[in-house]
Amino acid sequence: MGLFDKFKGKKESIDWSDAYNAIPKFYMKPDGSPFGSIALTEGTKTALPKNPQLEYKVDGKSVTEWKLVLVSTSKATVIGATDYFIALEKIGQYSLDANRNAILIKELSLVELENLVE
């Protein structure tokens, strides 16, 4: 990107190819309704879906409840889980790029992950 491109407002291209594409796992609540869980791991550049409730179904049923699970590699444990959509709002400060379907999150430190826990 040249100097004049910056003045024209052209955005530098961000490489998504080395990011982990987060894929949800599904679990059942005691009432039998499904919920989705998506992991965000310390030190891992990650592409998170913006609207997983529109992309994924379980046995043809919509999944309305979503959790973001925060995984620490330095502590080798799950450090917490939070409402996915609230976390997406908080996580915007760590965004490298976004498109219509996903948001690209930079590699987060342990402290940054811990700050996302409710």
C-alpha atoms as a PDB file:
ATOM      1  CA  MET A   1       0.000   0.000   0.000  1.00  0.00           C
ATOM      2  CA  GLY A   2       1.450   3.313  -1.051  1.00  0.00           C
ATOM      3  CA  LEU A   3       1.466   6.638   0.729  1.00  0.00           C
ATOM      4  CA  PHE A   4      -1.243   8.052  -1.526  1.00  0.00           C
ATOM      5  CA  ASP A   5      -3.499   5.036  -0.873  1.00  0.00           C
ATOM      6  CA  LYS A   6      -3.585   6.007   2.813  1.00  0.00           C
ATOM      7  CA  PHE A   7      -4.837   9.465   1.903  1.00  0.00           C
ATOM      8  CA  LYS A   8      -7.504   7.991  -0.369  1.00  0.00           C
ATOM      9  CA  GLY A   9      -8.832   5.929   2.531  1.00  0.00           C
ATOM     10  CA  LYS A  10      -7.824   2.594   1.055  1.00  0.00           C
ATOM     11  CA  LYS A  11      -7.643  -0.063   3.713  1.00  0.00           C
ATOM     12  CA  GLU A  12      -4.648  -2.364   3.960  1.00  0.00           C
ATOM     13  CA  SER A  13      -5.548  -5.956   3.110  1.00  0.00           C
ATOM     14  CA  ILE A  14      -5.633  -8.262   6.119  1.00  0.00           C
ATOM     15  CA  ASP A  15      -4.636 -11.922   5.728  1.00  0.00           C
ATOM     16  CA  TRP A  16      -7.314 -14.242   7.089  1.00  0.00           C
ATOM     17  CA  SER A  17      -5.648 -17.438   5.829  1.00  0.00           C
ATOM     18  CA  ASP A  18      -3.650 -18.066   9.001  1.00  0.00           C
ATOM     19  CA  ALA A  19      -6.646 -17.638  11.315  1.00  0.00           C
ATOM     20  CA  TYR A  20      -8.504 -20.439  13.056  1.00  0.00           C
ATOM     21  CA  ASN A  21     -12.099 -20.574  11.766  1.00  0.00           C
ATOM     22  CA  ALA A  22     -14.142 -21.094  14.908  1.00  0.00           C
ATOM     23  CA  ILE A  23     -16.606 -23.958  14.597  1.00  0.00           C
ATOM     24  CA  PRO A  24     -19.314 -24.347  17.229  1.00  0.00           C
ATOM     25  CA  LYS A  25     -19.982 -27.362  19.383  1.00  0.00           C
ATOM     26  CA  PHE A  26     -23.497 -28.051  20.559  1.00  0.00           C
ATOM     27  CA  TYR A  27     -24.779 -29.218  23.928  1.00  0.00           C
ATOM     28  CA  MET A  28     -28.192 -29.790  25.490  1.00  0.00           C
ATOM     29  CA  LYS A  29     -29.563 -27.873  28.434  1.00  0.00           C
ATOM     30  CA  PRO A  30     -31.541 -29.765  31.103  1.00  0.00           C
ATOM     31  CA  ASP A  31     -34.795 -28.827  29.340  1.00  0.00           C
ATOM     32  CA  GLY A  32     -33.539 -30.517  26.156  1.00  0.00           C
ATOM     33  CA  SER A  33     -32.993 -27.335  24.159  1.00  0.00           C
ATOM     34  CA  PRO A  34     -29.640 -26.930  22.422  1.00  0.00           C
ATOM     35  CA  PHE A  35     -27.046 -24.233  22.967  1.00  0.00           C
ATOM     36  CA  GLY A  36     -23.961 -23.461  20.958  1.00  0.00           C
ATOM     37  CA  SER A  37     -20.454 -22.970  22.259  1.00  0.00           C
ATOM     38  CA  ILE A  38     -17.577 -21.347  20.379  1.00  0.00           C
ATOM     39  CA  ALA A  39     -14.019 -21.302  21.728  1.00  0.00           C
ATOM     40  CA  LEU A  40     -11.586 -18.407  21.678  1.00  0.00           C
ATOM     41  CA  THR A  41      -8.084 -19.555  22.565  1.00  0.00           C
ATOM     42  CA  GLU A  42      -5.228 -17.507  23.976  1.00  0.00           C
ATOM     43  CA  GLY A  43      -2.614 -16.635  21.357  1.00  0.00           C
ATOM     44  CA  THR A  44      -4.743 -17.758  18.401  1.00  0.00           C
ATOM     45  CA  LYS A  45      -5.875 -15.436  15.610  1.00  0.00           C
ATOM     46  CA  THR A  46      -9.528 -16.409  15.198  1.00  0.00           C
ATOM     47  CA  ALA A  47     -12.384 -15.806  12.774  1.00  0.00           C
ATOM     48  CA  LEU A  48     -15.638 -15.752  14.747  1.00  0.00           C
ATOM     49  CA  PRO A  49     -19.062 -15.927  13.093  1.00  0.00           C
ATOM     50  CA  LYS A  50     -21.108 -12.754  13.557  1.00  0.00           C
ATOM     51  CA  ASN A  51     -24.485 -14.505  13.492  1.00  0.00           C
ATOM     52  CA  PRO A  52     -24.090 -18.181  14.374  1.00  0.00           C
ATOM     53  CA  GLN A  53     -27.813 -18.404  15.154  1.00  0.00           C
ATOM     54  CA  LEU A  54     -28.481 -17.863  11.432  1.00  0.00           C
ATOM     55  CA  GLU A  55     -25.807 -20.290  10.211  1.00  0.00           C
ATOM     56  CA  TYR A  56     -26.282 -23.327  12.445  1.00  0.00           C
ATOM     57  CA  LYS A  57     -29.191 -25.548  13.443  1.00  0.00           C
ATOM     58  CA  VAL A  58     -29.448 -28.701  15.529  1.00  0.00           C
ATOM     59  CA  ASP A  59     -31.880 -31.317  14.241  1.00  0.00           C
ATOM     60  CA  GLY A  60     -33.509 -28.600  12.156  1.00  0.00           C
ATOM     61  CA  LYS A  61     -34.071 -26.395  15.218  1.00  0.00           C
ATOM     62  CA  SER A  62     -32.688 -22.904  15.617  1.00  0.00           C
ATOM     63  CA  VAL A  63     -30.120 -22.420  18.335  1.00  0.00           C
ATOM     64  CA  THR A  64     -30.801 -19.189  20.175  1.00  0.00           C
ATOM     65  CA  GLU A  65     -28.389 -19.455  23.110  1.00  0.00           C
ATOM     66  CA  TRP A  66     -24.673 -19.061  22.409  1.00  0.00           C
ATOM     67  CA  LYS A  67     -21.609 -19.007  24.671  1.00  0.00           C
ATOM     68  CA  LEU A  68     -18.047 -17.904  24.013  1.00  0.00           C
ATOM     69  CA  VAL A  69     -15.669 -20.204  25.891  1.00  0.00           C
ATOM     70  CA  LEU A  70     -12.320 -18.629  26.747  1.00  0.00           C
ATOM     71  CA  VAL A  71      -9.410 -21.069  26.721  1.00  0.00           C
ATOM     72  CA  SER A  72      -5.989 -20.347  28.211  1.00  0.00           C
ATOM     73  CA  THR A  73      -2.990 -22.153  26.765  1.00  0.00           C
ATOM     74  CA  SER A  74      -0.604 -20.769  29.400  1.00  0.00           C
ATOM     75  CA  LYS A  75      -2.818 -22.100  32.220  1.00  0.00           C
ATOM     76  CA  ALA A  76      -3.992 -25.118  30.164  1.00  0.00           C
ATOM     77  CA  THR A  77      -7.609 -24.607  31.225  1.00  0.00           C
ATOM     78  CA  VAL A  78     -10.903 -22.961  30.411  1.00  0.00           C
ATOM     79  CA  ILE A  79     -10.899 -19.611  32.174  1.00  0.00           C
ATOM     80  CA  GLY A  80     -14.550 -18.826  31.646  1.00  0.00           C
ATOM     81  CA  ALA A  81     -17.574 -18.631  29.434  1.00  0.00           C
ATOM     82  CA  THR A  82     -19.734 -15.668  28.592  1.00  0.00           C
ATOM     83  CA  ASP A  83     -22.741 -14.805  26.488  1.00  0.00           C
ATOM     84  CA  TYR A  84     -21.514 -14.877  22.893  1.00  0.00           C
ATOM     85  CA  PHE A  85     -23.233 -11.718  21.704  1.00  0.00           C
ATOM     86  CA  ILE A  86     -22.176  -9.628  24.694  1.00  0.00           C
ATOM     87  CA  ALA A  87     -18.620 -10.895  24.178  1.00  0.00           C
ATOM     88  CA  LEU A  88     -18.727  -9.915  20.479  1.00  0.00           C
ATOM     89  CA  GLU A  89     -19.461  -6.341  21.519  1.00  0.00           C
ATOM     90  CA  LYS A  90     -16.530  -6.329  23.970  1.00  0.00           C
ATOM     91  CA  ILE A  91     -14.199  -8.078  21.567  1.00  0.00           C
ATOM     92  CA  GLY A  92     -14.575  -5.428  18.873  1.00  0.00           C
ATOM     93  CA  GLN A  93     -11.558  -3.605  20.279  1.00  0.00           C
ATOM     94  CA  TYR A  94      -9.418  -6.609  19.283  1.00  0.00           C
ATOM     95  CA  SER A  95     -10.785  -6.875  15.753  1.00  0.00           C
ATOM     96  CA  LEU A  96      -8.325  -6.907  12.872  1.00  0.00           C
ATOM     97  CA  ASP A  97     -10.973  -7.038  10.153  1.00  0.00           C
ATOM     98  CA  ALA A  98     -14.557  -8.046   9.492  1.00  0.00           C
ATOM     99  CA  ASN A  99     -16.732  -9.100   6.614  1.00  0.00           C
ATOM    100  CA  ARG A 100     -20.437  -9.772   6.262  1.00  0.00           C
ATOM    101  CA  ASN A 101     -20.257 -13.118   8.082  1.00  0.00           C
ATOM    102  CA  ALA A 102     -17.291 -13.015  10.452  1.00  0.00           C
ATOM    103  CA  ILE A 103     -15.012 -10.913  12.593  1.00  0.00           C
ATOM    104  CA  LEU A 104     -11.262 -11.537  12.668  1.00  0.00           C
ATOM    105  CA  ILE A 105      -9.791 -11.312  16.168  1.00  0.00           C
ATOM    106  CA  LYS A 106      -6.079 -10.813  16.854  1.00  0.00           C
ATOM    107  CA  GLU A 107      -4.132 -13.212  19.043  1.00  0.00           C
ATOM    108  CA  LEU A 108      -5.242 -12.359  22.580  1.00  0.00           C
ATOM    109  CA  SER A 109      -3.128 -12.511  25.716  1.00  0.00           C
ATOM    110  CA  LEU A 110      -4.315 -14.183  28.914  1.00  0.00           C
ATOM    111  CA  VAL A 111      -5.109 -10.781  30.453  1.00  0.00           C
ATOM    112  CA  GLU A 112      -7.149  -9.759  27.401  1.00  0.00           C
ATOM    113  CA  LEU A 113      -9.127 -13.038  27.578  1.00  0.00           C
ATOM    114  CA  GLU A 114      -9.726 -12.622  31.301  1.00  0.00           C
ATOM    115  CA  ASN A 115     -11.132  -9.142  30.652  1.00  0.00           C
ATOM    116  CA  LEU A 116     -13.869 -10.709  28.506  1.00  0.00           C
ATOM    117  CA  VAL A 117     -15.293 -12.841  31.333  1.00  0.00           C
ATOM    118  CA  GLU A 118     -18.501 -11.397  32.771  1.00  0.00           C
END
